[in-house]
Amino acid sequence: MSETARRPLGAKAAANRKLLVDAMRAGGFKNYAREWWHFALAREPFQKQRFDFPVTAE
């Protein structure tokens, strides 16, 4: 059910997934097709680097 182009899928859910993918693509991201919510920068500047640091709201 998590695939971006999953079929069958309700019309509203399919439209929302397409809206998200289109918006993210316009912002320079690419979708991982097996998870509709998973995106990465299309031109990732640190493809081989993994970052491990705390993220805070401050």
N, C-alpha and C. Protein backbone atom coordinates (compact mmCIF):
# COMPACT_ATOMS: atom_id res chain seq x y z
N MET A 1 0.82 -1.21 0.00
CA MET A 1 0.00 0.00 0.00
C MET A 1 0.86 1.27 0.00
N SER A 2 2.13 1.16 0.34
CA SER A 2 2.96 2.36 0.47
C SER A 2 3.56 2.84 -0.85
N GLU A 3 3.44 2.04 -1.90
CA GLU A 3 4.03 2.45 -3.17
C GLU A 3 3.31 3.68 -3.73
N THR A 4 4.07 4.59 -4.29
CA THR A 4 3.52 5.84 -4.80
C THR A 4 2.43 5.60 -5.84
N ALA A 5 2.65 4.66 -6.74
CA ALA A 5 1.69 4.40 -7.82
C ALA A 5 0.84 3.16 -7.54
N ARG A 6 0.62 2.85 -6.29
CA ARG A 6 -0.13 1.65 -5.89
C ARG A 6 -1.49 1.59 -6.57
N ARG A 7 -1.84 0.43 -7.08
CA ARG A 7 -3.16 0.19 -7.66
C ARG A 7 -3.71 -1.09 -7.06
N PRO A 8 -4.95 -1.20 -6.73
CA PRO A 8 -5.94 -0.12 -6.74
C PRO A 8 -5.73 0.80 -5.55
N LEU A 9 -6.10 2.03 -5.73
CA LEU A 9 -6.01 3.05 -4.69
C LEU A 9 -7.18 4.01 -4.92
N GLY A 10 -7.77 4.46 -3.86
CA GLY A 10 -8.89 5.39 -3.99
C GLY A 10 -8.50 6.63 -4.79
N ALA A 11 -9.45 7.21 -5.49
CA ALA A 11 -9.19 8.35 -6.35
C ALA A 11 -8.60 9.53 -5.58
N LYS A 12 -9.12 9.81 -4.39
CA LYS A 12 -8.62 10.94 -3.61
C LYS A 12 -7.19 10.69 -3.15
N ALA A 13 -6.90 9.49 -2.69
CA ALA A 13 -5.54 9.15 -2.25
C ALA A 13 -4.57 9.24 -3.43
N ALA A 14 -4.96 8.72 -4.58
CA ALA A 14 -4.10 8.76 -5.77
C ALA A 14 -3.84 10.21 -6.18
N ALA A 15 -4.86 11.05 -6.15
CA ALA A 15 -4.70 12.46 -6.51
C ALA A 15 -3.78 13.17 -5.53
N ASN A 16 -3.92 12.87 -4.25
CA ASN A 16 -3.06 13.49 -3.24
C ASN A 16 -1.61 13.05 -3.39
N ARG A 17 -1.39 11.79 -3.68
CA ARG A 17 -0.02 11.31 -3.89
C ARG A 17 0.60 11.99 -5.11
N LYS A 18 -0.19 12.13 -6.18
CA LYS A 18 0.32 12.80 -7.38
C LYS A 18 0.63 14.26 -7.09
N LEU A 19 -0.23 14.93 -6.33
CA LEU A 19 -0.01 16.32 -5.96
C LEU A 19 1.30 16.46 -5.19
N LEU A 20 1.53 15.58 -4.23
CA LEU A 20 2.76 15.62 -3.45
C LEU A 20 3.98 15.38 -4.32
N VAL A 21 3.93 14.34 -5.15
CA VAL A 21 5.08 14.03 -6.02
C VAL A 21 5.36 15.20 -6.96
N ASP A 22 4.35 15.77 -7.55
CA ASP A 22 4.54 16.90 -8.48
C ASP A 22 5.15 18.10 -7.76
N ALA A 23 4.67 18.40 -6.57
CA ALA A 23 5.19 19.55 -5.81
C ALA A 23 6.63 19.31 -5.40
N MET A 24 6.93 18.12 -4.93
CA MET A 24 8.29 17.83 -4.50
C MET A 24 9.25 17.81 -5.69
N ARG A 25 8.80 17.26 -6.79
CA ARG A 25 9.64 17.24 -8.00
C ARG A 25 9.94 18.67 -8.45
N ALA A 26 8.96 19.54 -8.38
CA ALA A 26 9.16 20.95 -8.75
C ALA A 26 10.16 21.62 -7.82
N GLY A 27 10.27 21.12 -6.59
CA GLY A 27 11.22 21.66 -5.62
C GLY A 27 12.59 21.01 -5.67
N GLY A 28 12.81 20.12 -6.64
CA GLY A 28 14.12 19.52 -6.80
C GLY A 28 14.31 18.19 -6.10
N PHE A 29 13.22 17.54 -5.74
CA PHE A 29 13.30 16.25 -5.06
C PHE A 29 12.84 15.12 -5.98
N LYS A 30 13.30 13.91 -5.67
CA LYS A 30 12.82 12.73 -6.38
C LYS A 30 12.19 11.79 -5.36
N ASN A 31 11.21 11.07 -5.82
CA ASN A 31 10.46 10.15 -4.97
C ASN A 31 11.07 8.76 -5.00
N TYR A 32 11.10 8.10 -3.84
CA TYR A 32 11.42 6.69 -3.75
C TYR A 32 10.08 5.97 -3.96
N ALA A 33 9.92 5.34 -5.11
CA ALA A 33 8.61 4.86 -5.57
C ALA A 33 7.96 3.81 -4.65
N ARG A 34 8.73 3.19 -3.78
CA ARG A 34 8.14 2.16 -2.90
C ARG A 34 7.51 2.76 -1.64
N GLU A 35 7.75 4.07 -1.41
CA GLU A 35 7.15 4.76 -0.26
C GLU A 35 6.71 6.15 -0.71
N TRP A 36 5.42 6.42 -0.73
CA TRP A 36 4.90 7.67 -1.27
C TRP A 36 5.40 8.90 -0.51
N TRP A 37 5.82 8.73 0.73
CA TRP A 37 6.26 9.85 1.57
C TRP A 37 7.77 10.06 1.54
N HIS A 38 8.51 9.22 0.85
CA HIS A 38 9.98 9.22 0.91
C HIS A 38 10.55 9.98 -0.29
N PHE A 39 11.30 11.05 -0.01
CA PHE A 39 11.90 11.88 -1.06
C PHE A 39 13.36 12.16 -0.71
N ALA A 40 14.15 12.42 -1.74
CA ALA A 40 15.55 12.82 -1.58
C ALA A 40 15.84 13.90 -2.62
N LEU A 41 16.86 14.70 -2.35
CA LEU A 41 17.26 15.69 -3.34
C LEU A 41 17.68 15.00 -4.62
N ALA A 42 17.21 15.50 -5.74
CA ALA A 42 17.57 14.90 -7.03
C ALA A 42 19.07 15.06 -7.29
N ARG A 43 19.63 16.16 -6.87
CA ARG A 43 21.07 16.42 -7.05
C ARG A 43 21.72 16.53 -5.67
N GLU A 44 21.70 15.44 -4.97
CA GLU A 44 22.25 15.38 -3.62
C GLU A 44 23.74 15.73 -3.62
N PRO A 45 24.14 16.78 -2.88
CA PRO A 45 25.55 17.18 -2.88
C PRO A 45 26.45 16.26 -2.05
N PHE A 46 25.88 15.46 -1.17
CA PHE A 46 26.67 14.58 -0.31
C PHE A 46 26.16 13.14 -0.43
N GLN A 47 26.19 12.59 -1.62
CA GLN A 47 25.59 11.27 -1.88
C GLN A 47 26.19 10.16 -1.03
N LYS A 48 27.46 10.19 -0.75
CA LYS A 48 28.13 9.11 -0.01
C LYS A 48 28.26 9.41 1.49
N GLN A 49 27.92 10.62 1.90
CA GLN A 49 28.10 11.04 3.28
C GLN A 49 26.82 10.81 4.09
N ARG A 50 26.98 10.27 5.29
CA ARG A 50 25.86 10.12 6.22
C ARG A 50 26.13 11.04 7.39
N PHE A 51 25.12 11.77 7.83
CA PHE A 51 25.26 12.72 8.91
C PHE A 51 24.55 12.19 10.14
N ASP A 52 25.20 12.33 11.29
CA ASP A 52 24.64 11.87 12.54
C ASP A 52 24.82 12.98 13.58
N PHE A 53 23.76 13.76 13.77
CA PHE A 53 23.82 14.84 14.74
C PHE A 53 22.41 15.08 15.27
N PRO A 54 22.32 15.59 16.49
CA PRO A 54 20.99 15.84 17.05
C PRO A 54 20.30 17.00 16.34
N VAL A 55 19.01 16.89 16.19
CA VAL A 55 18.19 17.95 15.62
C VAL A 55 17.31 18.49 16.73
N THR A 56 17.39 19.80 16.93
CA THR A 56 16.60 20.42 18.00
C THR A 56 15.77 21.56 17.42
N ALA A 57 14.82 22.02 18.19
CA ALA A 57 13.94 23.10 17.75
C ALA A 57 14.55 24.47 18.04
N GLU A 58 15.66 24.50 18.69
CA GLU A 58 16.27 25.80 19.07
C GLU A 58 17.28 26.26 18.06
